[in-house]
């Protein structure tokens, strides 16, 4: 059945079967509805927003810098108060498991690749 025959049957009130007929029925029912009307002055409000200067990022940068400074001061005070000595002894046990480290690195790479190929392509 051609598109024109299908359209004529639907316009005559007949109910043809099939996926194409269902699609045509949905299109015609959507076309019968009243169009949505935007509020008065909507375009003017959008244009006014577009012409405004972007807000300054000074406040955000200030809080970012304040957070980093606080973090660094806290780290320095903590190192001073607990008499911190840098030692790799806590990580020495990893020297006996090179295969485990390689597997962990491989799994991280595979998960990142799968995320890029499967998840992120479906989100955009």
N, C-alpha and C. Protein backbone atom coordinates (compact mmCIF):
# COMPACT_ATOMS: atom_id res chain seq x y z
N UNK A 1 0.86 -1.18 0.00
CA UNK A 1 0.00 0.00 0.00
C UNK A 1 0.91 1.24 0.00
N UNK A 2 0.60 2.18 -0.89
CA UNK A 2 1.41 3.38 -0.99
C UNK A 2 1.03 4.36 0.11
N UNK A 3 1.85 5.36 0.28
CA UNK A 3 1.57 6.37 1.30
C UNK A 3 0.27 7.12 1.00
N UNK A 4 0.01 7.39 -0.28
CA UNK A 4 -1.21 8.12 -0.64
C UNK A 4 -2.45 7.29 -0.35
N UNK A 5 -2.41 6.00 -0.64
CA UNK A 5 -3.56 5.14 -0.35
C UNK A 5 -3.79 5.05 1.16
N UNK A 6 -2.72 4.94 1.90
CA UNK A 6 -2.81 4.88 3.35
C UNK A 6 -3.41 6.16 3.90
N UNK A 7 -2.96 7.29 3.39
CA UNK A 7 -3.48 8.58 3.85
C UNK A 7 -4.96 8.71 3.51
N UNK A 8 -5.38 8.28 2.35
CA UNK A 8 -6.78 8.37 1.96
C UNK A 8 -7.65 7.50 2.86
N UNK A 9 -7.20 6.29 3.18
CA UNK A 9 -7.98 5.41 4.05
C UNK A 9 -8.15 6.02 5.43
N UNK A 10 -7.08 6.60 5.96
CA UNK A 10 -7.17 7.21 7.29
C UNK A 10 -8.08 8.42 7.26
N UNK A 11 -8.00 9.24 6.20
CA UNK A 11 -8.87 10.41 6.08
C UNK A 11 -10.34 10.00 5.93
N UNK A 12 -10.60 8.84 5.33
CA UNK A 12 -11.97 8.35 5.17
C UNK A 12 -12.50 7.68 6.43
N UNK A 13 -11.65 7.55 7.44
CA UNK A 13 -12.10 6.97 8.70
C UNK A 13 -11.83 5.48 8.82
N UNK A 14 -11.26 4.88 7.82
CA UNK A 14 -10.92 3.46 7.90
C UNK A 14 -9.69 3.30 8.79
N UNK A 15 -9.54 2.13 9.37
CA UNK A 15 -8.41 1.86 10.26
C UNK A 15 -7.56 0.75 9.66
N UNK A 16 -6.59 1.13 8.80
CA UNK A 16 -5.71 0.10 8.25
C UNK A 16 -4.76 -0.42 9.33
N UNK A 17 -4.21 -1.61 9.11
CA UNK A 17 -3.33 -2.22 10.10
C UNK A 17 -1.88 -2.11 9.64
N UNK A 18 -0.98 -2.12 10.61
CA UNK A 18 0.44 -2.09 10.31
C UNK A 18 1.12 -0.91 11.00
N UNK A 19 2.43 -0.97 11.01
CA UNK A 19 3.22 0.07 11.67
C UNK A 19 3.10 1.42 10.96
N UNK A 20 3.06 1.38 9.62
CA UNK A 20 2.93 2.64 8.87
C UNK A 20 1.60 3.31 9.15
N UNK A 21 0.55 2.51 9.24
CA UNK A 21 -0.78 3.06 9.51
C UNK A 21 -0.82 3.69 10.90
N UNK A 22 -0.21 3.05 11.86
CA UNK A 22 -0.17 3.58 13.22
C UNK A 22 0.61 4.90 13.24
N UNK A 23 1.71 4.96 12.51
CA UNK A 23 2.50 6.19 12.45
C UNK A 23 1.68 7.32 11.82
N UNK A 24 0.98 7.02 10.74
CA UNK A 24 0.15 8.04 10.10
C UNK A 24 -0.95 8.51 11.05
N UNK A 25 -1.58 7.60 11.76
CA UNK A 25 -2.64 7.98 12.70
C UNK A 25 -2.10 8.91 13.79
N UNK A 26 -0.91 8.62 14.29
CA UNK A 26 -0.31 9.49 15.31
C UNK A 26 -0.02 10.87 14.75
N UNK A 27 0.48 10.92 13.53
CA UNK A 27 0.78 12.21 12.90
C UNK A 27 -0.50 13.03 12.73
N UNK A 28 -1.57 12.39 12.22
CA UNK A 28 -2.82 13.12 12.00
C UNK A 28 -3.46 13.56 13.31
N UNK A 29 -3.36 12.73 14.35
CA UNK A 29 -3.93 13.15 15.63
C UNK A 29 -3.14 14.31 16.21
N UNK A 30 -1.83 14.33 16.00
CA UNK A 30 -1.02 15.45 16.48
C UNK A 30 -1.33 16.72 15.70
N UNK A 31 -1.60 16.57 14.40
CA UNK A 31 -1.92 17.75 13.58
C UNK A 31 -3.30 18.33 13.93
N UNK A 32 -4.20 17.52 14.44
CA UNK A 32 -5.54 18.01 14.80
C UNK A 32 -5.53 18.85 16.08
N UNK A 33 -4.51 18.66 16.91
CA UNK A 33 -4.45 19.41 18.17
C UNK A 33 -4.15 20.87 17.91
N UNK A 34 -4.57 21.72 18.84
CA UNK A 34 -4.27 23.14 18.74
C UNK A 34 -2.79 23.37 18.97
N UNK A 35 -2.28 24.35 18.27
CA UNK A 35 -0.86 24.67 18.42
C UNK A 35 -0.63 25.35 19.77
N UNK A 36 0.54 25.15 20.32
CA UNK A 36 0.90 25.78 21.59
C UNK A 36 1.32 27.21 21.31
N UNK A 37 0.79 28.13 22.09
CA UNK A 37 1.12 29.54 21.91
C UNK A 37 2.01 30.01 23.04
N UNK A 38 3.09 30.66 22.67
CA UNK A 38 4.02 31.19 23.67
C UNK A 38 3.43 32.45 24.30
N UNK A 39 3.83 32.78 25.52
CA UNK A 39 3.33 34.00 26.16
C UNK A 39 3.72 35.25 25.37
N UNK A 40 2.96 36.28 25.56
CA UNK A 40 3.23 37.55 24.88
C UNK A 40 4.57 38.09 25.36
N UNK A 41 5.39 38.54 24.45
CA UNK A 41 6.68 39.11 24.80
C UNK A 41 7.77 38.08 25.05
N UNK A 42 7.51 36.83 24.72
CA UNK A 42 8.50 35.78 24.95
C UNK A 42 9.77 36.04 24.14
N UNK A 43 9.62 36.37 22.88
CA UNK A 43 10.78 36.62 22.03
C UNK A 43 11.58 37.81 22.53
N UNK A 44 10.88 38.85 23.01
CA UNK A 44 11.59 40.02 23.53
C UNK A 44 12.40 39.66 24.78
N UNK A 45 11.83 38.81 25.63
CA UNK A 45 12.56 38.39 26.84
C UNK A 45 13.79 37.57 26.48
N UNK A 46 13.65 36.69 25.48
CA UNK A 46 14.79 35.88 25.06
C UNK A 46 15.89 36.77 24.49
N UNK A 47 15.52 37.73 23.66
CA UNK A 47 16.51 38.64 23.08
C UNK A 47 17.19 39.49 24.15
N UNK A 48 16.44 39.91 25.16
CA UNK A 48 17.03 40.70 26.25
C UNK A 48 18.04 39.86 27.02
N UNK A 49 17.73 38.59 27.27
CA UNK A 49 18.67 37.70 27.97
C UNK A 49 19.94 37.49 27.14
N UNK A 50 19.79 37.36 25.82
CA UNK A 50 20.94 37.14 24.96
C UNK A 50 21.85 38.36 24.89
N UNK A 51 21.28 39.55 25.02
CA UNK A 51 22.05 40.77 24.91
C UNK A 51 22.68 41.19 26.23
N UNK A 52 22.31 40.54 27.33
CA UNK A 52 22.90 40.87 28.62
C UNK A 52 24.35 40.43 28.66
N UNK A 53 25.13 41.17 29.43
CA UNK A 53 26.52 40.78 29.64
C UNK A 53 26.56 39.57 30.56
N UNK A 54 27.42 38.62 30.31
CA UNK A 54 27.50 37.48 31.21
C UNK A 54 27.95 37.92 32.60
N UNK A 55 27.48 37.24 33.62
CA UNK A 55 27.82 37.58 34.99
C UNK A 55 29.31 37.33 35.22
N UNK A 56 29.87 38.09 36.12
CA UNK A 56 31.28 37.96 36.44
C UNK A 56 31.53 36.66 37.20
N UNK A 57 32.65 36.04 36.91
CA UNK A 57 33.02 34.81 37.59
C UNK A 57 33.91 35.07 38.80
N UNK A 58 34.02 36.33 39.20
CA UNK A 58 34.89 36.67 40.32
C UNK A 58 34.52 35.92 41.58
N UNK A 59 33.24 35.85 41.89
CA UNK A 59 32.79 35.18 43.11
C UNK A 59 33.18 33.71 43.11
N UNK A 60 32.99 33.03 41.97
CA UNK A 60 33.33 31.62 41.88
C UNK A 60 34.83 31.40 42.01
N UNK A 61 35.62 32.25 41.35
CA UNK A 61 37.07 32.13 41.46
C UNK A 61 37.55 32.42 42.88
N UNK A 62 36.92 33.39 43.54
CA UNK A 62 37.28 33.71 44.92
C UNK A 62 37.08 32.49 45.82
N UNK A 63 35.91 31.84 45.71
CA UNK A 63 35.64 30.69 46.57
C UNK A 63 36.52 29.49 46.21
N UNK A 64 36.85 29.33 44.94
CA UNK A 64 37.77 28.28 44.54
C UNK A 64 39.15 28.51 45.17
N UNK A 65 39.65 29.75 45.06
CA UNK A 65 40.95 30.07 45.64
C UNK A 65 40.92 29.93 47.16
N UNK A 66 39.83 30.37 47.79
CA UNK A 66 39.72 30.26 49.25
C UNK A 66 39.73 28.79 49.67
N UNK A 67 39.08 27.94 48.92
CA UNK A 67 39.07 26.51 49.23
C UNK A 67 40.45 25.90 49.12
N UNK A 68 41.18 26.23 48.06
CA UNK A 68 42.53 25.70 47.89
C UNK A 68 43.47 26.21 48.98
N UNK A 69 43.38 27.49 49.30
CA UNK A 69 44.23 28.05 50.36
C UNK A 69 43.93 27.37 51.68
N UNK A 70 42.65 27.20 52.00
CA UNK A 70 42.27 26.52 53.24
C UNK A 70 42.79 25.09 53.26
N UNK A 71 42.68 24.40 52.14
CA UNK A 71 43.17 23.02 52.06
C UNK A 71 44.68 22.96 52.30
N UNK A 72 45.42 23.85 51.64
CA UNK A 72 46.87 23.85 51.79
C UNK A 72 47.30 24.22 53.20
N UNK A 73 46.63 25.20 53.82
CA UNK A 73 46.94 25.57 55.20
C UNK A 73 46.64 24.40 56.13
N UNK A 74 45.50 23.76 55.95
CA UNK A 74 45.14 22.61 56.78
C UNK A 74 46.14 21.47 56.63
N UNK A 75 46.59 21.23 55.39
CA UNK A 75 47.58 20.19 55.15
C UNK A 75 48.89 20.53 55.84
N UNK A 76 49.32 21.77 55.73
CA UNK A 76 50.57 22.20 56.38
C UNK A 76 50.51 22.09 57.89
N UNK A 77 49.41 22.52 58.47
CA UNK A 77 49.24 22.44 59.92
C UNK A 77 49.22 20.98 60.36
N UNK A 78 48.54 20.13 59.63
CA UNK A 78 48.48 18.71 59.98
C UNK A 78 49.85 18.06 59.92
N UNK A 79 50.61 18.34 58.87
CA UNK A 79 51.96 17.78 58.73
C UNK A 79 52.84 18.25 59.89
N UNK A 80 52.72 19.51 60.27
CA UNK A 80 53.52 20.06 61.36
C UNK A 80 53.14 19.44 62.70
N UNK A 81 51.84 19.29 62.96
CA UNK A 81 51.39 18.82 64.27
C UNK A 81 51.63 17.32 64.50
N UNK A 82 51.60 16.51 63.45
CA UNK A 82 51.74 15.06 63.67
C UNK A 82 53.15 14.57 63.40
N UNK A 83 54.09 15.47 63.16
CA UNK A 83 55.47 15.11 62.89
C UNK A 83 55.55 14.08 61.76
N UNK A 84 55.03 14.47 60.62
CA UNK A 84 54.90 13.59 59.45
C UNK A 84 56.26 13.31 58.82
N UNK A 85 56.51 12.04 58.54
CA UNK A 85 57.71 11.63 57.80
C UNK A 85 57.26 10.82 56.60
N UNK A 86 57.70 11.24 55.41
CA UNK A 86 57.31 10.55 54.18
C UNK A 86 58.03 9.21 54.09
N UNK A 87 57.25 8.14 53.91
CA UNK A 87 57.81 6.80 53.83
C UNK A 87 56.97 5.97 52.86
N UNK A 88 57.66 5.19 52.04
CA UNK A 88 56.97 4.34 51.09
C UNK A 88 56.76 2.94 51.65
N UNK A 89 57.04 2.75 52.93
CA UNK A 89 56.93 1.43 53.54
C UNK A 89 55.52 0.86 53.48
N UNK A 90 54.53 1.71 53.54
CA UNK A 90 53.15 1.24 53.51
C UNK A 90 52.80 0.64 52.15
N UNK A 91 53.53 1.03 51.13
CA UNK A 91 53.24 0.53 49.78
C UNK A 91 54.21 -0.56 49.34
N UNK A 92 55.11 -0.98 50.22
CA UNK A 92 56.10 -2.00 49.88
C UNK A 92 55.48 -3.35 49.53
N UNK A 93 54.33 -3.65 50.10
CA UNK A 93 53.70 -4.95 49.82
C UNK A 93 53.30 -5.09 48.36
N UNK A 94 53.11 -3.97 47.66
CA UNK A 94 52.72 -4.03 46.24
C UNK A 94 53.85 -4.54 45.36
N UNK A 95 55.09 -4.48 45.83
CA UNK A 95 56.23 -4.94 45.03
C UNK A 95 56.13 -6.43 44.73
N UNK A 96 55.45 -7.18 45.58
CA UNK A 96 55.31 -8.62 45.36
C UNK A 96 54.16 -8.99 44.44
N UNK A 97 53.40 -8.01 43.96
CA UNK A 97 52.24 -8.29 43.12
C UNK A 97 52.26 -7.48 41.82
N UNK A 98 53.26 -7.67 40.97
CA UNK A 98 53.29 -6.88 39.72
C UNK A 98 52.13 -7.26 38.79
N UNK A 99 51.71 -8.52 38.82
CA UNK A 99 50.58 -8.93 37.97
C UNK A 99 49.29 -8.27 38.39
N UNK A 100 49.11 -8.11 39.70
CA UNK A 100 47.91 -7.45 40.22
C UNK A 100 47.87 -5.98 39.79
N UNK A 101 49.01 -5.32 39.85
CA UNK A 101 49.07 -3.92 39.41
C UNK A 101 48.78 -3.79 37.92
N UNK A 102 49.34 -4.72 37.13
CA UNK A 102 49.09 -4.69 35.68
C UNK A 102 47.62 -4.95 35.38
N UNK A 103 47.02 -5.89 36.09
CA UNK A 103 45.60 -6.18 35.89
C UNK A 103 44.73 -4.98 36.27
N UNK A 104 45.08 -4.33 37.37
CA UNK A 104 44.32 -3.15 37.80
C UNK A 104 44.40 -2.05 36.74
N UNK A 105 45.61 -1.82 36.22
CA UNK A 105 45.77 -0.79 35.19
C UNK A 105 44.99 -1.16 33.93
N UNK A 106 45.04 -2.44 33.54
CA UNK A 106 44.30 -2.90 32.36
C UNK A 106 42.79 -2.73 32.56
N UNK A 107 42.29 -3.08 33.74
CA UNK A 107 40.86 -2.93 34.00
C UNK A 107 40.42 -1.47 33.97
N UNK A 108 41.25 -0.60 34.49
CA UNK A 108 40.92 0.83 34.45
C UNK A 108 40.84 1.31 33.00
N UNK A 109 41.79 0.90 32.18
CA UNK A 109 41.78 1.31 30.77
C UNK A 109 40.56 0.75 30.06
N UNK A 110 40.22 -0.51 30.30
CA UNK A 110 39.07 -1.14 29.64
C UNK A 110 37.77 -0.47 30.06
N UNK A 111 37.62 -0.19 31.36
CA UNK A 111 36.39 0.46 31.83
C UNK A 111 36.25 1.86 31.23
N UNK A 112 37.36 2.60 31.16
CA UNK A 112 37.30 3.93 30.55
C UNK A 112 36.94 3.85 29.07
N UNK A 113 37.49 2.87 28.37
CA UNK A 113 37.19 2.71 26.95
C UNK A 113 35.72 2.36 26.75
N UNK A 114 35.21 1.41 27.58
CA UNK A 114 33.80 1.04 27.47
C UNK A 114 32.89 2.21 27.79
N UNK A 115 33.27 3.00 28.77
CA UNK A 115 32.48 4.18 29.12
C UNK A 115 32.41 5.14 27.94
N UNK A 116 33.53 5.35 27.30
CA UNK A 116 33.57 6.27 26.15
C UNK A 116 32.76 5.74 24.97
N UNK A 117 32.87 4.43 24.71
CA UNK A 117 32.19 3.85 23.54
C UNK A 117 30.70 3.60 23.76
N UNK A 118 30.33 3.13 24.92
CA UNK A 118 28.95 2.69 25.13
C UNK A 118 28.10 3.71 25.87
N UNK A 119 28.57 4.17 26.99
CA UNK A 119 27.74 5.01 27.85
C UNK A 119 27.64 6.43 27.31
N UNK A 120 28.76 7.04 27.03
CA UNK A 120 28.75 8.46 26.63
C UNK A 120 28.12 8.68 25.27
N UNK A 121 28.17 7.68 24.37
CA UNK A 121 27.54 7.87 23.06
C UNK A 121 26.02 7.86 23.18
N UNK A 122 25.48 7.13 24.18
CA UNK A 122 24.03 7.08 24.35
C UNK A 122 23.51 8.31 25.09
N UNK A 123 24.35 9.00 25.83
CA UNK A 123 23.92 10.17 26.59
C UNK A 123 23.86 11.41 25.71
N UNK A 124 24.64 11.47 24.68
CA UNK A 124 24.66 12.68 23.86
C UNK A 124 23.73 12.58 22.69
